[in-house]
Amino acid sequence: MSELNLLASNCEGAASIDIVFVAPPGLIHNIESTELWQSATHIPGATLIHDSDGSLSRNLGAATSGQVLLYDAGGTLRFSGGITDSRGHAGDNTGRLAIESILRNQPPIASTTPVFGCALW
């Protein structure tokens, strides 16, 4: 979340940010009370979505926790991947820099990067 927060701050107003939370049934009873949800509430301009059955995440093509998808205004997927260089790593990374480039109408250094989360399905 810290990298997404930095990305949102660096590019404030350049994109709408929807953070989709999927919780496997029976594992988390109230996702809105988790520390991760609470940290997401501090991201400028972000909308938090509880995808209780995973249908939205599946439709978007999300497969891994922490996966970031960037669609342009026409609905074309421009970036899919992680915005950390390793699990929980903070600092400059290819994913975040690629998204910042796309949002600034510059050629991205990548359109995909590895995601270091857990499989969703």
PDB file of N, CA and C in Angstrom:
ATOM      1  N   MET A   1       0.820  -1.193   0.000  1.00  0.00           N
ATOM      2  CA  MET A   1       0.000   0.000   0.000  1.00  0.00           C
ATOM      3  C   MET A   1       0.863   1.255   0.000  1.00  0.00           C
ATOM      4  N   SER A   2       2.047   1.166   0.605  1.00  0.00           N
ATOM      5  CA  SER A   2       2.886   2.359   0.647  1.00  0.00           C
ATOM      6  C   SER A   2       3.332   2.772  -0.759  1.00  0.00           C
ATOM      7  N   GLU A   3       3.611   1.817  -1.630  1.00  0.00           N
ATOM      8  CA  GLU A   3       4.010   2.160  -2.991  1.00  0.00           C
ATOM      9  C   GLU A   3       2.829   2.737  -3.776  1.00  0.00           C
ATOM     10  N   LEU A   4       1.641   2.209  -3.567  1.00  0.00           N
ATOM     11  CA  LEU A   4       0.458   2.752  -4.225  1.00  0.00           C
ATOM     12  C   LEU A   4       0.171   4.158  -3.707  1.00  0.00           C
ATOM     13  N   ASN A   5       0.369   4.373  -2.433  1.00  0.00           N
ATOM     14  CA  ASN A   5       0.193   5.695  -1.855  1.00  0.00           C
ATOM     15  C   ASN A   5       1.174   6.689  -2.487  1.00  0.00           C
ATOM     16  N   LEU A   6       2.424   6.278  -2.641  1.00  0.00           N
ATOM     17  CA  LEU A   6       3.425   7.138  -3.277  1.00  0.00           C
ATOM     18  C   LEU A   6       3.053   7.417  -4.726  1.00  0.00           C
ATOM     19  N   LEU A   7       2.625   6.402  -5.445  1.00  0.00           N
ATOM     20  CA  LEU A   7       2.208   6.564  -6.831  1.00  0.00           C
ATOM     21  C   LEU A   7       1.045   7.548  -6.922  1.00  0.00           C
ATOM     22  N   ALA A   8       0.058   7.394  -6.064  1.00  0.00           N
ATOM     23  CA  ALA A   8      -1.099   8.290  -6.058  1.00  0.00           C
ATOM     24  C   ALA A   8      -0.671   9.728  -5.755  1.00  0.00           C
ATOM     25  N   SER A   9       0.260   9.894  -4.848  1.00  0.00           N
ATOM     26  CA  SER A   9       0.737  11.234  -4.493  1.00  0.00           C
ATOM     27  C   SER A   9       1.535  11.852  -5.639  1.00  0.00           C
ATOM     28  N   ASN A  10       2.364  11.042  -6.301  1.00  0.00           N
ATOM     29  CA  ASN A  10       3.191  11.539  -7.409  1.00  0.00           C
ATOM     30  C   ASN A  10       2.363  11.922  -8.626  1.00  0.00           C
ATOM     31  N   CYS A  11       1.229  11.273  -8.801  1.00  0.00           N
ATOM     32  CA  CYS A  11       0.411  11.486  -9.993  1.00  0.00           C
ATOM     33  C   CYS A  11      -1.008  11.904  -9.632  1.00  0.00           C
ATOM     34  N   GLU A  12      -1.157  12.644  -8.569  1.00  0.00           N
ATOM     35  CA  GLU A  12      -2.481  13.008  -8.063  1.00  0.00           C
ATOM     36  C   GLU A  12      -3.328  13.646  -9.157  1.00  0.00           C
ATOM     37  N   GLY A  13      -4.527  13.110  -9.314  1.00  0.00           N
ATOM     38  CA  GLY A  13      -5.466  13.624 -10.294  1.00  0.00           C
ATOM     39  C   GLY A  13      -5.292  13.071 -11.696  1.00  0.00           C
ATOM     40  N   ALA A  14      -4.232  12.314 -11.952  1.00  0.00           N
ATOM     41  CA  ALA A  14      -3.982  11.796 -13.296  1.00  0.00           C
ATOM     42  C   ALA A  14      -4.794  10.548 -13.607  1.00  0.00           C
ATOM     43  N   ALA A  15      -5.322   9.890 -12.586  1.00  0.00           N
ATOM     44  CA  ALA A  15      -6.092   8.659 -12.786  1.00  0.00           C
ATOM     45  C   ALA A  15      -7.017   8.451 -11.600  1.00  0.00           C
ATOM     46  N   SER A  16      -8.089   7.731 -11.845  1.00  0.00           N
ATOM     47  CA  SER A  16      -8.921   7.331 -10.710  1.00  0.00           C
ATOM     48  C   SER A  16      -8.342   6.023 -10.178  1.00  0.00           C
ATOM     49  N   ILE A  17      -8.401   5.865  -8.873  1.00  0.00           N
ATOM     50  CA  ILE A  17      -7.815   4.687  -8.234  1.00  0.00           C
ATOM     51  C   ILE A  17      -8.912   3.924  -7.508  1.00  0.00           C
ATOM     52  N   ASP A  18      -9.120   2.704  -7.947  1.00  0.00           N
ATOM     53  CA  ASP A  18     -10.033   1.791  -7.266  1.00  0.00           C
ATOM     54  C   ASP A  18      -9.189   0.681  -6.671  1.00  0.00           C
ATOM     55  N   ILE A  19      -9.299   0.489  -5.377  1.00  0.00           N
ATOM     56  CA  ILE A  19      -8.573  -0.577  -4.702  1.00  0.00           C
ATOM     57  C   ILE A  19      -9.585  -1.660  -4.377  1.00  0.00           C
ATOM     58  N   VAL A  20      -9.390  -2.815  -4.979  1.00  0.00           N
ATOM     59  CA  VAL A  20     -10.351  -3.909  -4.857  1.00  0.00           C
ATOM     60  C   VAL A  20      -9.809  -4.931  -3.874  1.00  0.00           C
ATOM     61  N   PHE A  21     -10.598  -5.216  -2.857  1.00  0.00           N
ATOM     62  CA  PHE A  21     -10.234  -6.197  -1.844  1.00  0.00           C
ATOM     63  C   PHE A  21     -11.070  -7.458  -2.034  1.00  0.00           C
ATOM     64  N   VAL A  22     -10.378  -8.589  -2.118  1.00  0.00           N
ATOM     65  CA  VAL A  22     -11.035  -9.891  -2.190  1.00  0.00           C
ATOM     66  C   VAL A  22     -10.632 -10.655  -0.939  1.00  0.00           C
ATOM     67  N   ALA A  23     -11.609 -11.169  -0.226  1.00  0.00           N
ATOM     68  CA  ALA A  23     -11.320 -11.963   0.969  1.00  0.00           C
ATOM     69  C   ALA A  23     -11.927 -13.344   0.795  1.00  0.00           C
ATOM     70  N   PRO A  24     -11.118 -14.384   0.852  1.00  0.00           N
ATOM     71  CA  PRO A  24     -11.675 -15.731   0.738  1.00  0.00           C
ATOM     72  C   PRO A  24     -12.717 -15.976   1.825  1.00  0.00           C
ATOM     73  N   PRO A  25     -13.865 -16.535   1.451  1.00  0.00           N
ATOM     74  CA  PRO A  25     -14.922 -16.790   2.441  1.00  0.00           C
ATOM     75  C   PRO A  25     -14.409 -17.608   3.625  1.00  0.00           C
ATOM     76  N   GLY A  26     -14.787 -17.168   4.813  1.00  0.00           N
ATOM     77  CA  GLY A  26     -14.405 -17.891   6.017  1.00  0.00           C
ATOM     78  C   GLY A  26     -13.066 -17.484   6.604  1.00  0.00           C
ATOM     79  N   LEU A  27     -12.235 -16.759   5.858  1.00  0.00           N
ATOM     80  CA  LEU A  27     -10.918 -16.371   6.376  1.00  0.00           C
ATOM     81  C   LEU A  27     -10.944 -14.999   7.031  1.00  0.00           C
ATOM     82  N   ILE A  28     -11.682 -14.066   6.438  1.00  0.00           N
ATOM     83  CA  ILE A  28     -11.771 -12.717   6.985  1.00  0.00           C
ATOM     84  C   ILE A  28     -13.249 -12.360   7.060  1.00  0.00           C
ATOM     85  N   HIS A  29     -13.731 -12.093   8.264  1.00  0.00           N
ATOM     86  CA  HIS A  29     -15.152 -11.809   8.437  1.00  0.00           C
ATOM     87  C   HIS A  29     -15.503 -10.368   8.103  1.00  0.00           C
ATOM     88  N   ASN A  30     -14.614  -9.440   8.375  1.00  0.00           N
ATOM     89  CA  ASN A  30     -14.898  -8.031   8.133  1.00  0.00           C
ATOM     90  C   ASN A  30     -13.644  -7.375   7.564  1.00  0.00           C
ATOM     91  N   ILE A  31     -13.501  -7.432   6.256  1.00  0.00           N
ATOM     92  CA  ILE A  31     -12.286  -6.923   5.612  1.00  0.00           C
ATOM     93  C   ILE A  31     -12.081  -5.433   5.877  1.00  0.00           C
ATOM     94  N   GLU A  32     -13.171  -4.701   6.095  1.00  0.00           N
ATOM     95  CA  GLU A  32     -13.063  -3.268   6.346  1.00  0.00           C
ATOM     96  C   GLU A  32     -12.366  -2.948   7.666  1.00  0.00           C
ATOM     97  N   SER A  33     -12.229  -3.930   8.540  1.00  0.00           N
ATOM     98  CA  SER A  33     -11.558  -3.690   9.825  1.00  0.00           C
ATOM     99  C   SER A  33     -10.080  -4.097   9.801  1.00  0.00           C
ATOM    100  N   THR A  34      -9.586  -4.578   8.655  1.00  0.00           N
ATOM    101  CA  THR A  34      -8.190  -5.015   8.593  1.00  0.00           C
ATOM    102  C   THR A  34      -7.233  -3.831   8.492  1.00  0.00           C
ATOM    103  N   GLU A  35      -6.013  -4.064   8.881  1.00  0.00           N
ATOM    104  CA  GLU A  35      -4.973  -3.033   8.801  1.00  0.00           C
ATOM    105  C   GLU A  35      -4.733  -2.614   7.348  1.00  0.00           C
ATOM    106  N   LEU A  36      -4.789  -3.567   6.418  1.00  0.00           N
ATOM    107  CA  LEU A  36      -4.573  -3.261   5.008  1.00  0.00           C
ATOM    108  C   LEU A  36      -5.668  -2.313   4.484  1.00  0.00           C
ATOM    109  N   TRP A  37      -6.904  -2.590   4.816  1.00  0.00           N
ATOM    110  CA  TRP A  37      -8.002  -1.712   4.407  1.00  0.00           C
ATOM    111  C   TRP A  37      -7.795  -0.321   5.004  1.00  0.00           C
ATOM    112  N   GLN A  38      -7.460  -0.281   6.286  1.00  0.00           N
ATOM    113  CA  GLN A  38      -7.259   1.009   6.950  1.00  0.00           C
ATOM    114  C   GLN A  38      -6.127   1.805   6.308  1.00  0.00           C
ATOM    115  N   SER A  39      -5.045   1.141   5.921  1.00  0.00           N
ATOM    116  CA  SER A  39      -3.941   1.864   5.268  1.00  0.00           C
ATOM    117  C   SER A  39      -4.371   2.377   3.897  1.00  0.00           C
ATOM    118  N   ALA A  40      -5.251   1.646   3.215  1.00  0.00           N
ATOM    119  CA  ALA A  40      -5.726   2.074   1.902  1.00  0.00           C
ATOM    120  C   ALA A  40      -6.597   3.324   1.995  1.00  0.00           C
ATOM    121  N   THR A  41      -7.232   3.539   3.134  1.00  0.00           N
ATOM    122  CA  THR A  41      -8.088   4.723   3.284  1.00  0.00           C
ATOM    123  C   THR A  41      -7.275   6.022   3.240  1.00  0.00           C
ATOM    124  N   HIS A  42      -5.971   5.931   3.392  1.00  0.00           N
ATOM    125  CA  HIS A  42      -5.112   7.122   3.394  1.00  0.00           C
ATOM    126  C   HIS A  42      -4.567   7.460   2.007  1.00  0.00           C
ATOM    127  N   ILE A  43      -4.898   6.678   1.007  1.00  0.00           N
ATOM    128  CA  ILE A  43      -4.405   6.935  -0.343  1.00  0.00           C
ATOM    129  C   ILE A  43      -5.275   8.006  -0.990  1.00  0.00           C
ATOM    130  N   PRO A  44      -4.647   9.102  -1.428  1.00  0.00           N
ATOM    131  CA  PRO A  44      -5.408  10.235  -1.969  1.00  0.00           C
ATOM    132  C   PRO A  44      -6.300   9.833  -3.144  1.00  0.00           C
ATOM    133  N   GLY A  45      -7.584  10.143  -3.033  1.00  0.00           N
ATOM    134  CA  GLY A  45      -8.512   9.924  -4.131  1.00  0.00           C
ATOM    135  C   GLY A  45      -8.927   8.491  -4.375  1.00  0.00           C
ATOM    136  N   ALA A  46      -8.502   7.562  -3.543  1.00  0.00           N
ATOM    137  CA  ALA A  46      -8.802   6.146  -3.783  1.00  0.00           C
ATOM    138  C   ALA A  46     -10.215   5.786  -3.343  1.00  0.00           C
ATOM    139  N   THR A  47     -10.830   4.914  -4.115  1.00  0.00           N
ATOM    140  CA  THR A  47     -12.106   4.309  -3.771  1.00  0.00           C
ATOM    141  C   THR A  47     -11.838   2.864  -3.393  1.00  0.00           C
ATOM    142  N   LEU A  48     -12.303   2.456  -2.229  1.00  0.00           N
ATOM    143  CA  LEU A  48     -12.099   1.084  -1.764  1.00  0.00           C
ATOM    144  C   LEU A  48     -13.343   0.262  -2.065  1.00  0.00           C
ATOM    145  N   ILE A  49     -13.136  -0.917  -2.622  1.00  0.00           N
ATOM    146  CA  ILE A  49     -14.229  -1.785  -3.035  1.00  0.00           C
ATOM    147  C   ILE A  49     -14.041  -3.157  -2.399  1.00  0.00           C
ATOM    148  N   HIS A  50     -15.089  -3.636  -1.731  1.00  0.00           N
ATOM    149  CA  HIS A  50     -15.077  -4.996  -1.178  1.00  0.00           C
ATOM    150  C   HIS A  50     -15.727  -5.900  -2.216  1.00  0.00           C
ATOM    151  N   ASP A  51     -14.908  -6.671  -2.899  1.00  0.00           N
ATOM    152  CA  ASP A  51     -15.352  -7.600  -3.942  1.00  0.00           C
ATOM    153  C   ASP A  51     -15.626  -8.944  -3.267  1.00  0.00           C
ATOM    154  N   SER A  52     -16.773  -9.046  -2.610  1.00  0.00           N
ATOM    155  CA  SER A  52     -17.034 -10.185  -1.733  1.00  0.00           C
ATOM    156  C   SER A  52     -17.038 -11.529  -2.435  1.00  0.00           C
ATOM    157  N   ASP A  53     -17.445 -11.578  -3.697  1.00  0.00           N
ATOM    158  CA  ASP A  53     -17.454 -12.869  -4.383  1.00  0.00           C
ATOM    159  C   ASP A  53     -16.332 -13.020  -5.405  1.00  0.00           C
ATOM    160  N   GLY A  54     -15.493 -12.001  -5.551  1.00  0.00           N
ATOM    161  CA  GLY A  54     -14.356 -12.071  -6.469  1.00  0.00           C
ATOM    162  C   GLY A  54     -14.707 -11.836  -7.925  1.00  0.00           C
ATOM    163  N   SER A  55     -15.980 -11.563  -8.222  1.00  0.00           N
ATOM    164  CA  SER A  55     -16.384 -11.427  -9.622  1.00  0.00           C
ATOM    165  C   SER A  55     -15.736 -10.222 -10.314  1.00  0.00           C
ATOM    166  N   LEU A  56     -15.640  -9.107  -9.630  1.00  0.00           N
ATOM    167  CA  LEU A  56     -15.003  -7.934 -10.228  1.00  0.00           C
ATOM    168  C   LEU A  56     -13.537  -8.212 -10.510  1.00  0.00           C
ATOM    169  N   SER A  57     -12.845  -8.775  -9.547  1.00  0.00           N
ATOM    170  CA  SER A  57     -11.422  -9.078  -9.716  1.00  0.00           C
ATOM    171  C   SER A  57     -11.194 -10.036 -10.882  1.00  0.00           C
ATOM    172  N   ARG A  58     -12.026 -11.053 -10.963  1.00  0.00           N
ATOM    173  CA  ARG A  58     -11.911 -12.009 -12.086  1.00  0.00           C
ATOM    174  C   ARG A  58     -12.158 -11.311 -13.421  1.00  0.00           C
ATOM    175  N   ASN A  59     -13.198 -10.469 -13.478  1.00  0.00           N
ATOM    176  CA  ASN A  59     -13.519  -9.768 -14.724  1.00  0.00           C
ATOM    177  C   ASN A  59     -12.400  -8.833 -15.164  1.00  0.00           C
ATOM    178  N   LEU A  60     -11.701  -8.251 -14.201  1.00  0.00           N
ATOM    179  CA  LEU A  60     -10.589  -7.359 -14.522  1.00  0.00           C
ATOM    180  C   LEU A  60      -9.326  -8.124 -14.909  1.00  0.00           C
ATOM    181  N   GLY A  61      -9.284  -9.407 -14.568  1.00  0.00           N
ATOM    182  CA  GLY A  61      -8.109 -10.213 -14.886  1.00  0.00           C
ATOM    183  C   GLY A  61      -7.091 -10.278 -13.777  1.00  0.00           C
ATOM    184  N   ALA A  62      -7.471  -9.870 -12.572  1.00  0.00           N
ATOM    185  CA  ALA A  62      -6.541  -9.941 -11.444  1.00  0.00           C
ATOM    186  C   ALA A  62      -6.368 -11.403 -11.030  1.00  0.00           C
ATOM    187  N   ALA A  63      -5.132 -11.802 -10.806  1.00  0.00           N
ATOM    188  CA  ALA A  63      -4.847 -13.188 -10.438  1.00  0.00           C
ATOM    189  C   ALA A  63      -4.044 -13.304  -9.151  1.00  0.00           C
ATOM    190  N   THR A  64      -3.443 -12.201  -8.715  1.00  0.00           N
ATOM    191  CA  THR A  64      -2.525 -12.223  -7.583  1.00  0.00           C
ATOM    192  C   THR A  64      -2.782 -11.026  -6.674  1.00  0.00           C
ATOM    193  N   SER A  65      -2.704 -11.241  -5.356  1.00  0.00           N
ATOM    194  CA  SER A  65      -2.856 -10.114  -4.440  1.00  0.00           C
ATOM    195  C   SER A  65      -1.730  -9.116  -4.691  1.00  0.00           C
ATOM    196  N   GLY A  66      -2.072  -7.854  -4.666  1.00  0.00           N
ATOM    197  CA  GLY A  66      -1.083  -6.818  -4.928  1.00  0.00           C
ATOM    198  C   GLY A  66      -0.926  -6.461  -6.397  1.00  0.00           C
ATOM    199  N   GLN A  67      -1.670  -7.123  -7.262  1.00  0.00           N
ATOM    200  CA  GLN A  67      -1.575  -6.836  -8.692  1.00  0.00           C
ATOM    201  C   GLN A  67      -2.206  -5.486  -8.989  1.00  0.00           C
ATOM    202  N   VAL A  68      -1.522  -4.692  -9.814  1.00  0.00           N
ATOM    203  CA  VAL A  68      -2.003  -3.377 -10.213  1.00  0.00           C
ATOM    204  C   VAL A  68      -2.326  -3.428 -11.700  1.00  0.00           C
ATOM    205  N   LEU A  69      -3.510  -2.953 -12.035  1.00  0.00           N
ATOM    206  CA  LEU A  69      -3.953  -2.899 -13.425  1.00  0.00           C
ATOM    207  C   LEU A  69      -4.220  -1.444 -13.770  1.00  0.00           C
ATOM    208  N   LEU A  70      -3.678  -0.990 -14.891  1.00  0.00           N
ATOM    209  CA  LEU A  70      -3.910   0.385 -15.336  1.00  0.00           C
ATOM    210  C   LEU A  70      -4.596   0.330 -16.691  1.00  0.00           C
ATOM    211  N   TYR A  71      -5.818   0.845 -16.729  1.00  0.00           N
ATOM    212  CA  TYR A  71      -6.586   0.934 -17.961  1.00  0.00           C
ATOM    213  C   TYR A  71      -6.646   2.388 -18.399  1.00  0.00           C
ATOM    214  N   ASP A  72      -6.599   2.622 -19.721  1.00  0.00           N
ATOM    215  CA  ASP A  72      -6.755   3.995 -20.192  1.00  0.00           C
ATOM    216  C   ASP A  72      -8.242   4.326 -20.279  1.00  0.00           C
ATOM    217  N   ALA A  73      -8.557   5.553 -20.662  1.00  0.00           N
ATOM    218  CA  ALA A  73      -9.946   6.014 -20.692  1.00  0.00           C
ATOM    219  C   ALA A  73     -10.805   5.195 -21.649  1.00  0.00           C
ATOM    220  N   GLY A  74     -10.193   4.578 -22.647  1.00  0.00           N
ATOM    221  CA  GLY A  74     -10.924   3.755 -23.603  1.00  0.00           C
ATOM    222  C   GLY A  74     -11.098   2.314 -23.161  1.00  0.00           C
ATOM    223  N   GLY A  75     -10.558   1.970 -21.976  1.00  0.00           N
ATOM    224  CA  GLY A  75     -10.700   0.614 -21.457  1.00  0.00           C
ATOM    225  C   GLY A  75      -9.603  -0.347 -21.872  1.00  0.00           C
ATOM    226  N   THR A  76      -8.544   0.166 -22.496  1.00  0.00           N
ATOM    227  CA  THR A  76      -7.422  -0.674 -22.904  1.00  0.00           C
ATOM    228  C   THR A  76      -6.457  -0.858 -21.734  1.00  0.00           C
ATOM    229  N   LEU A  77      -6.097  -2.092 -21.465  1.00  0.00           N
ATOM    230  CA  LEU A  77      -5.131  -2.385 -20.404  1.00  0.00           C
ATOM    231  C   LEU A  77      -3.759  -1.893 -20.836  1.00  0.00           C
ATOM    232  N   ARG A  78      -3.180  -0.989 -20.070  1.00  0.00           N
ATOM    233  CA  ARG A  78      -1.867  -0.410 -20.394  1.00  0.00           C
ATOM    234  C   ARG A  78      -0.752  -0.983 -19.540  1.00  0.00           C
ATOM    235  N   PHE A  79      -1.100  -1.464 -18.335  1.00  0.00           N
ATOM    236  CA  PHE A  79      -0.090  -2.031 -17.435  1.00  0.00           C
ATOM    237  C   PHE A  79      -0.757  -3.068 -16.555  1.00  0.00           C
ATOM    238  N   SER A  80      -0.009  -4.151 -16.295  1.00  0.00           N
ATOM    239  CA  SER A  80      -0.451  -5.175 -15.351  1.00  0.00           C
ATOM    240  C   SER A  80       0.778  -5.712 -14.636  1.00  0.00           C
ATOM    241  N   GLY A  81       0.755  -5.646 -13.319  1.00  0.00           N
ATOM    242  CA  GLY A  81       1.887  -6.194 -12.582  1.00  0.00           C
ATOM    243  C   GLY A  81       1.989  -5.653 -11.180  1.00  0.00           C
ATOM    244  N   GLY A  82       3.155  -5.857 -10.618  1.00  0.00           N
ATOM    245  CA  GLY A  82       3.423  -5.406  -9.266  1.00  0.00           C
ATOM    246  C   GLY A  82       4.118  -4.063  -9.257  1.00  0.00           C
ATOM    247  N   ILE A  83       4.019  -3.385  -8.119  1.00  0.00           N
ATOM    248  CA  ILE A  83       4.698  -2.093  -7.970  1.00  0.00           C
ATOM    249  C   ILE A  83       5.683  -2.148  -6.804  1.00  0.00           C
ATOM    250  N   THR A  84       6.252  -3.339  -6.605  1.00  0.00           N
ATOM    251  CA  THR A  84       7.385  -3.527  -5.698  1.00  0.00           C
ATOM    252  C   THR A  84       8.377  -4.454  -6.387  1.00  0.00           C
ATOM    253  N   ASP A  85       9.649  -4.352  -6.028  1.00  0.00           N
ATOM    254  CA  ASP A  85      10.670  -5.217  -6.621  1.00  0.00           C
ATOM    255  C   ASP A  85      10.737  -6.587  -5.960  1.00  0.00           C
ATOM    256  N   SER A  86      10.134  -6.708  -4.795  1.00  0.00           N
ATOM    257  CA  SER A  86      10.028  -7.988  -4.102  1.00  0.00           C
ATOM    258  C   SER A  86       8.906  -7.845  -3.078  1.00  0.00           C
ATOM    259  N   ARG A  87       8.529  -8.926  -2.451  1.00  0.00           N
ATOM    260  CA  ARG A  87       7.400  -8.895  -1.517  1.00  0.00           C
ATOM    261  C   ARG A  87       7.654  -7.887  -0.387  1.00  0.00           C
ATOM    262  N   GLY A  88       6.766  -6.888  -0.278  1.00  0.00           N
ATOM    263  CA  GLY A  88       6.856  -5.909   0.790  1.00  0.00           C
ATOM    264  C   GLY A  88       7.987  -4.906   0.661  1.00  0.00           C
ATOM    265  N   HIS A  89       8.679  -4.887  -0.468  1.00  0.00           N
ATOM    266  CA  HIS A  89       9.815  -3.989  -0.659  1.00  0.00           C
ATOM    267  C   HIS A  89       9.333  -2.579  -1.001  1.00  0.00           C
ATOM    268  N   ALA A  90       9.887  -1.592  -0.356  1.00  0.00           N
ATOM    269  CA  ALA A  90       9.568  -0.196  -0.671  1.00  0.00           C
ATOM    270  C   ALA A  90      10.745   0.417  -1.409  1.00  0.00           C
ATOM    271  N   GLY A  91      10.461   1.319  -2.312  1.00  0.00           N
ATOM    272  CA  GLY A  91      11.517   2.006  -3.046  1.00  0.00           C
ATOM    273  C   GLY A  91      11.249   1.998  -4.537  1.00  0.00           C
ATOM    274  N   ASP A  92      12.072   2.729  -5.282  1.00  0.00           N
ATOM    275  CA  ASP A  92      11.894   2.809  -6.726  1.00  0.00           C
ATOM    276  C   ASP A  92      11.824   1.410  -7.323  1.00  0.00           C
ATOM    277  N   ASN A  93      10.924   1.239  -8.271  1.00  0.00           N
ATOM    278  CA  ASN A  93      10.764  -0.058  -8.912  1.00  0.00           C
ATOM    279  C   ASN A  93      10.185   0.129 -10.296  1.00  0.00           C
ATOM    280  N   THR A  94      10.379  -0.853 -11.132  1.00  0.00           N
ATOM    281  CA  THR A  94       9.969  -0.792 -12.530  1.00  0.00           C
ATOM    282  C   THR A  94       8.475  -0.574 -12.689  1.00  0.00           C
ATOM    283  N   GLY A  95       7.656  -1.260 -11.899  1.00  0.00           N
ATOM    284  CA  GLY A  95       6.208  -1.140 -12.033  1.00  0.00           C
ATOM    285  C   GLY A  95       5.706   0.263 -11.759  1.00  0.00           C
ATOM    286  N   ARG A  96       6.104   0.819 -10.635  1.00  0.00           N
ATOM    287  CA  ARG A  96       5.652   2.168 -10.298  1.00  0.00           C
ATOM    288  C   ARG A  96       6.151   3.188 -11.316  1.00  0.00           C
ATOM    289  N   LEU A  97       7.409   3.062 -11.730  1.00  0.00           N
ATOM    290  CA  LEU A  97       7.962   3.996 -12.709  1.00  0.00           C
ATOM    291  C   LEU A  97       7.269   3.869 -14.062  1.00  0.00           C
ATOM    292  N   ALA A  98       6.879   2.647 -14.435  1.00  0.00           N
ATOM    293  CA  ALA A  98       6.160   2.439 -15.697  1.00  0.00           C
ATOM    294  C   ALA A  98       4.803   3.134 -15.658  1.00  0.00           C
ATOM    295  N   ILE A  99       4.088   2.963 -14.568  1.00  0.00           N
ATOM    296  CA  ILE A  99       2.770   3.596 -14.440  1.00  0.00           C
ATOM    297  C   ILE A  99       2.901   5.111 -14.448  1.00  0.00           C
ATOM    298  N   GLU A 100       3.882   5.641 -13.735  1.00  0.00           N
ATOM    299  CA  GLU A 100       4.081   7.092 -13.724  1.00  0.00           C
ATOM    300  C   GLU A 100       4.359   7.604 -15.139  1.00  0.00           C
ATOM    301  N   SER A 101       5.144   6.864 -15.912  1.00  0.00           N
ATOM    302  CA  SER A 101       5.433   7.261 -17.297  1.00  0.00           C
ATOM    303  C   SER A 101       4.163   7.271 -18.134  1.00  0.00           C
ATOM    304  N   ILE A 102       3.350   6.230 -18.020  1.00  0.00           N
ATOM    305  CA  ILE A 102       2.106   6.154 -18.785  1.00  0.00           C
ATOM    306  C   ILE A 102       1.202   7.332 -18.432  1.00  0.00           C
ATOM    307  N   LEU A 103       1.078   7.628 -17.155  1.00  0.00           N
ATOM    308  CA  LEU A 103       0.205   8.724 -16.726  1.00  0.00           C
ATOM    309  C   LEU A 103       0.724  10.088 -17.160  1.00  0.00           C
ATOM    310  N   ARG A 104       2.000  10.165 -17.462  1.00  0.00           N
ATOM    311  CA  ARG A 104       2.598  11.429 -17.946  1.00  0.00           C
ATOM    312  C   ARG A 104       2.716  11.437 -19.468  1.00  0.00           C
ATOM    313  N   ASN A 105       2.032  10.474 -20.114  1.00  0.00           N
ATOM    314  CA  ASN A 105       2.058  10.356 -21.579  1.00  0.00           C
ATOM    315  C   ASN A 105       3.461  10.168 -22.137  1.00  0.00           C
ATOM    316  N   GLN A 106       4.281   9.455 -21.407  1.00  0.00           N
ATOM    317  CA  GLN A 106       5.626   9.108 -21.850  1.00  0.00           C
ATOM    318  C   GLN A 106       5.687   7.606 -22.112  1.00  0.00           C
ATOM    319  N   PRO A 107       6.629   7.154 -22.927  1.00  0.00           N
ATOM    320  CA  PRO A 107       6.738   5.710 -23.162  1.00  0.00           C
ATOM    321  C   PRO A 107       7.121   4.987 -21.864  1.00  0.00           C
ATOM    322  N   PRO A 108       6.391   3.930 -21.518  1.00  0.00           N
ATOM    323  CA  PRO A 108       6.710   3.201 -20.284  1.00  0.00           C
ATOM    324  C   PRO A 108       7.931   2.321 -20.465  1.00  0.00           C
ATOM    325  N   ILE A 109       8.627   2.060 -19.367  1.00  0.00           N
ATOM    326  CA  ILE A 109       9.784   1.173 -19.412  1.00  0.00           C
ATOM    327  C   ILE A 109       9.355  -0.287 -19.412  1.00  0.00           C
ATOM    328  N   ALA A 110       8.083  -0.540 -19.100  1.00  0.00           N
ATOM    329  CA  ALA A 110       7.529  -1.897 -19.110  1.00  0.00           C
ATOM    330  C   ALA A 110       6.013  -1.807 -19.135  1.00  0.00           C
ATOM    331  N   SER A 111       5.370  -2.856 -19.634  1.00  0.00           N
ATOM    332  CA  SER A 111       3.914  -2.909 -19.572  1.00  0.00           C
ATOM    333  C   SER A 111       3.454  -4.023 -18.631  1.00  0.00           C
ATOM    334  N   THR A 112       4.389  -4.844 -18.211  1.00  0.00           N
ATOM    335  CA  THR A 112       4.115  -5.886 -17.221  1.00  0.00           C
ATOM    336  C   THR A 112       5.324  -6.028 -16.304  1.00  0.00           C
ATOM    337  N   THR A 113       5.061  -6.409 -15.073  1.00  0.00           N
ATOM    338  CA  THR A 113       6.119  -6.716 -14.110  1.00  0.00           C
ATOM    339  C   THR A 113       5.631  -7.870 -13.244  1.00  0.00           C
ATOM    340  N   PRO A 114       6.533  -8.586 -12.594  1.00  0.00           N
ATOM    341  CA  PRO A 114       6.110  -9.668 -11.693  1.00  0.00           C
ATOM    342  C   PRO A 114       5.346  -9.120 -10.493  1.00  0.00           C
ATOM    343  N   VAL A 115       4.429  -9.941  -9.983  1.00  0.00           N
ATOM    344  CA  VAL A 115       3.665  -9.596  -8.787  1.00  0.00           C
ATOM    345  C   VAL A 115       4.084 -10.567  -7.692  1.00  0.00           C
ATOM    346  N   PHE A 116       4.441 -10.050  -6.532  1.00  0.00           N
ATOM    347  CA  PHE A 116       4.968 -10.879  -5.448  1.00  0.00           C
ATOM    348  C   PHE A 116       3.943 -11.093  -4.342  1.00  0.00           C
ATOM    349  N   GLY A 117       2.698 -11.348  -4.719  1.00  0.00           N
ATOM    350  CA  GLY A 117       1.649 -11.612  -3.756  1.00  0.00           C
ATOM    351  C   GLY A 117       1.225 -13.064  -3.789  1.00  0.00           C
ATOM    352  N   CYS A 118       0.078 -13.324  -3.216  1.00  0.00           N
ATOM    353  CA  CYS A 118      -0.480 -14.686  -3.185  1.00  0.00           C
ATOM    354  C   CYS A 118      -1.491 -14.833  -4.312  1.00  0.00           C
ATOM    355  N   ALA A 119      -1.570 -16.037  -4.861  1.00  0.00           N
ATOM    356  CA  ALA A 119      -2.559 -16.309  -5.899  1.00  0.00           C
ATOM    357  C   ALA A 119      -3.967 -16.115  -5.341  1.00  0.00           C
ATOM    358  N   LEU A 120      -4.843 -15.493  -6.113  1.00  0.00           N
ATOM    359  CA  LEU A 120      -6.218 -15.267  -5.685  1.00  0.00           C
ATOM    360  C   LEU A 120      -7.116 -16.458  -5.986  1.00  0.00           C
ATOM    361  N   TRP A 121      -6.814 -17.212  -7.017  1.00  0.00           N
ATOM    362  CA  TRP A 121      -7.697 -18.316  -7.423  1.00  0.00           C
ATOM    363  C   TRP A 121      -6.919 -19.597  -7.574  1.00  0.00           C
TER     364      TRP A 121
END
